[in-house]
C-alpha atoms as a PDB file:
ATOM      1  CA  MET A   1      -7.605  -5.842   8.981  1.00  0.00           C
ATOM      2  CA  GLN A   2      -4.006  -6.607   8.430  1.00  0.00           C
ATOM      3  CA  ILE A   3      -1.169  -4.975   8.424  1.00  0.00           C
ATOM      4  CA  ILE A   4       1.381  -5.562   5.934  1.00  0.00           C
ATOM      5  CA  PRO A   5       5.013  -5.505   7.250  1.00  0.00           C
ATOM      6  CA  LEU A   6       7.458  -2.769   5.103  1.00  0.00           C
ATOM      7  CA  ARG A   7      10.952  -1.138   6.034  1.00  0.00           C
ATOM      8  CA  PRO A   8      11.713   2.646   6.253  1.00  0.00           C
ATOM      9  CA  GLU A   9      13.164   2.452   2.646  1.00  0.00           C
ATOM     10  CA  PRO A  10      12.735   4.527   0.064  1.00  0.00           C
ATOM     11  CA  SER A  11      11.438   1.205  -2.723  1.00  0.00           C
ATOM     12  CA  GLN A  12      10.589  -1.842  -1.747  1.00  0.00           C
ATOM     13  CA  ASN A  13       8.394  -5.147  -3.444  1.00  0.00           C
ATOM     14  CA  LEU A  14       6.512  -7.735  -1.442  1.00  0.00           C
ATOM     15  CA  SER A  15       4.443 -10.974  -2.738  1.00  0.00           C
ATOM     16  CA  ILE A  16       1.935 -11.779  -0.024  1.00  0.00           C
ATOM     17  CA  VAL A  17      -1.108 -13.725  -0.091  1.00  0.00           C
ATOM     18  CA  LEU A  18      -4.331 -11.695   1.067  1.00  0.00           C
ATOM     19  CA  GLY A  19      -8.320 -13.216   0.765  1.00  0.00           C
ATOM     20  CA  GLY A  20      -6.514 -15.919  -1.209  1.00  0.00           C
ATOM     21  CA  GLN A  21      -5.029 -13.196  -3.885  1.00  0.00           C
ATOM     22  CA  ASN A  22      -1.186 -13.809  -5.148  1.00  0.00           C
ATOM     23  CA  CYS A  23      -0.179  -9.904  -4.482  1.00  0.00           C
ATOM     24  CA  ASP A  24       2.829  -8.381  -5.555  1.00  0.00           C
ATOM     25  CA  ILE A  25       3.458  -4.947  -3.657  1.00  0.00           C
ATOM     26  CA  SER A  26       5.636  -2.488  -4.825  1.00  0.00           C
ATOM     27  CA  VAL A  27       5.801   0.918  -2.621  1.00  0.00           C
ATOM     28  CA  TYR A  28       7.809   3.342  -3.789  1.00  0.00           C
ATOM     29  CA  THR A  29       9.044   7.259  -3.187  1.00  0.00           C
ATOM     30  CA  LEU A  30       8.873   9.609  -6.202  1.00  0.00           C
ATOM     31  CA  SER A  31       9.756  13.324  -5.604  1.00  0.00           C
ATOM     32  CA  THR A  32       5.848  14.132  -4.923  1.00  0.00           C
ATOM     33  CA  GLY A  33       5.536  11.037  -2.180  1.00  0.00           C
ATOM     34  CA  LEU A  34       4.831   8.124  -1.522  1.00  0.00           C
ATOM     35  CA  TYR A  35       3.434   5.668  -4.767  1.00  0.00           C
ATOM     36  CA  PHE A  36       2.093   2.210  -4.400  1.00  0.00           C
ATOM     37  CA  ASP A  37       1.461  -0.327  -7.356  1.00  0.00           C
ATOM     38  CA  LEU A  38      -0.191  -3.531  -6.891  1.00  0.00           C
ATOM     39  CA  MET A  39      -0.379  -7.031  -9.271  1.00  0.00           C
ATOM     40  CA  SER A  40      -2.902  -9.758  -8.315  1.00  0.00           C
ATOM     41  CA  ASN A  41      -2.682 -13.192  -9.650  1.00  0.00           C
ATOM     42  CA  GLY A  42      -1.008 -11.537 -12.766  1.00  0.00           C
ATOM     43  CA  GLU A  43      -3.131  -8.438 -13.270  1.00  0.00           C
ATOM     44  CA  GLN A  44      -2.095  -5.031 -12.595  1.00  0.00           C
ATOM     45  CA  ILE A  45      -4.628  -3.862 -10.303  1.00  0.00           C
ATOM     46  CA  CYS A  46      -3.120  -0.369  -9.378  1.00  0.00           C
ATOM     47  CA  SER A  47      -0.206   1.934 -10.563  1.00  0.00           C
ATOM     48  CA  THR A  48       1.666   4.916  -9.454  1.00  0.00           C
ATOM     49  CA  ARG A  49      -1.502   5.651  -6.776  1.00  0.00           C
ATOM     50  CA  LEU A  50       0.102   8.472  -4.208  1.00  0.00           C
ATOM     51  CA  CYS A  51      -0.537   7.255  -0.657  1.00  0.00           C
ATOM     52  CA  VAL A  52      -2.621   9.458   1.792  1.00  0.00           C
ATOM     53  CA  ASN A  53      -3.256   9.052   5.308  1.00  0.00           C
ATOM     54  CA  GLY A  54      -6.562   6.986   5.767  1.00  0.00           C
ATOM     55  CA  VAL A  55      -7.821   7.270   2.331  1.00  0.00           C
ATOM     56  CA  ASP A  56      -8.237   3.616   0.170  1.00  0.00           C
ATOM     57  CA  ILE A  57      -6.163   2.909  -2.535  1.00  0.00           C
ATOM     58  CA  ILE A  58      -7.305   0.790  -5.225  1.00  0.00           C
ATOM     59  CA  ARG A  59     -10.469   2.519  -4.819  1.00  0.00           C
ATOM     60  CA  ASN A  60     -12.065   0.741  -7.894  1.00  0.00           C
ATOM     61  CA  LYS A  61     -13.883  -2.585  -7.192  1.00  0.00           C
ATOM     62  CA  SER A  62     -14.915  -3.531 -10.607  1.00  0.00           C
ATOM     63  CA  ALA A  63     -10.904  -4.318 -10.753  1.00  0.00           C
ATOM     64  CA  GLY A  64     -11.802  -7.800  -8.924  1.00  0.00           C
ATOM     65  CA  PHE A  65      -9.417  -7.456  -6.285  1.00  0.00           C
ATOM     66  CA  ILE A  66     -10.855  -8.326  -3.201  1.00  0.00           C
ATOM     67  CA  GLY A  67     -10.436  -5.616   0.198  1.00  0.00           C
ATOM     68  CA  ASP A  68      -8.716  -2.824  -0.626  1.00  0.00           C
ATOM     69  CA  PHE A  69      -4.678  -1.201   0.975  1.00  0.00           C
ATOM     70  CA  ALA A  70      -4.787   2.011   3.262  1.00  0.00           C
ATOM     71  CA  PHE A  71      -2.187   3.427   4.860  1.00  0.00           C
ATOM     72  CA  ILE A  72      -2.479   5.291   8.162  1.00  0.00           C
ATOM     73  CA  ASP A  73      -0.454   7.309  10.535  1.00  0.00           C
ATOM     74  CA  VAL A  74      -0.575   5.875  14.333  1.00  0.00           C
ATOM     75  CA  VAL A  75       0.425   9.062  15.847  1.00  0.00           C
ATOM     76  CA  GLY A  76      -0.883  12.377  14.098  1.00  0.00           C
ATOM     77  CA  MET A  77      -2.526  12.803  10.102  1.00  0.00           C
ATOM     78  CA  ASP A  78       0.490  13.224   8.080  1.00  0.00           C
ATOM     79  CA  ASN A  79       0.767  11.653   4.357  1.00  0.00           C
ATOM     80  CA  PRO A  80       3.113   8.196   4.605  1.00  0.00           C
ATOM     81  CA  ASN A  81       7.130   9.021   3.807  1.00  0.00           C
ATOM     82  CA  TYR A  82       9.119   6.587   3.719  1.00  0.00           C
ATOM     83  CA  THR A  83      11.153   6.962   7.030  1.00  0.00           C
ATOM     84  CA  GLY A  84       8.230   5.975   8.782  1.00  0.00           C
ATOM     85  CA  LEU A  85       7.190   2.912   7.195  1.00  0.00           C
ATOM     86  CA  GLY A  86       6.437   0.252   9.522  1.00  0.00           C
ATOM     87  CA  THR A  87       6.040   2.235  12.548  1.00  0.00           C
ATOM     88  CA  ARG A  88       4.786   5.818  12.063  1.00  0.00           C
ATOM     89  CA  TYR A  89       2.737   4.401   9.077  1.00  0.00           C
ATOM     90  CA  VAL A  90       1.307   1.374   8.799  1.00  0.00           C
ATOM     91  CA  LEU A  91       0.329  -0.244   5.574  1.00  0.00           C
ATOM     92  CA  VAL A  92      -3.373  -1.920   6.315  1.00  0.00           C
ATOM     93  CA  TYR A  93      -5.492  -4.295   4.478  1.00  0.00           C
ATOM     94  CA  GLN A  94      -8.471  -4.441   5.036  1.00  0.00           C
END
């Protein structure tokens, strides 16, 4: 398991290599919650996935992506919001 560094900002993008895969991650806030997009090696793996505490984000193993992501609330059971990113709400790659 690896923690992905995020900042407490409503919208952010980052590029990182995970499991030998070039990953472009977008985490952003809409009126209905926090959302996640993933591009890997130039291919869209998932788009507009609602982030829910403890629930795998990709869930589609046929997408060809190795691993998955989840947000974890380290002090409770709430769904993530941007104000706690990187501290209360951590994004993990597993």
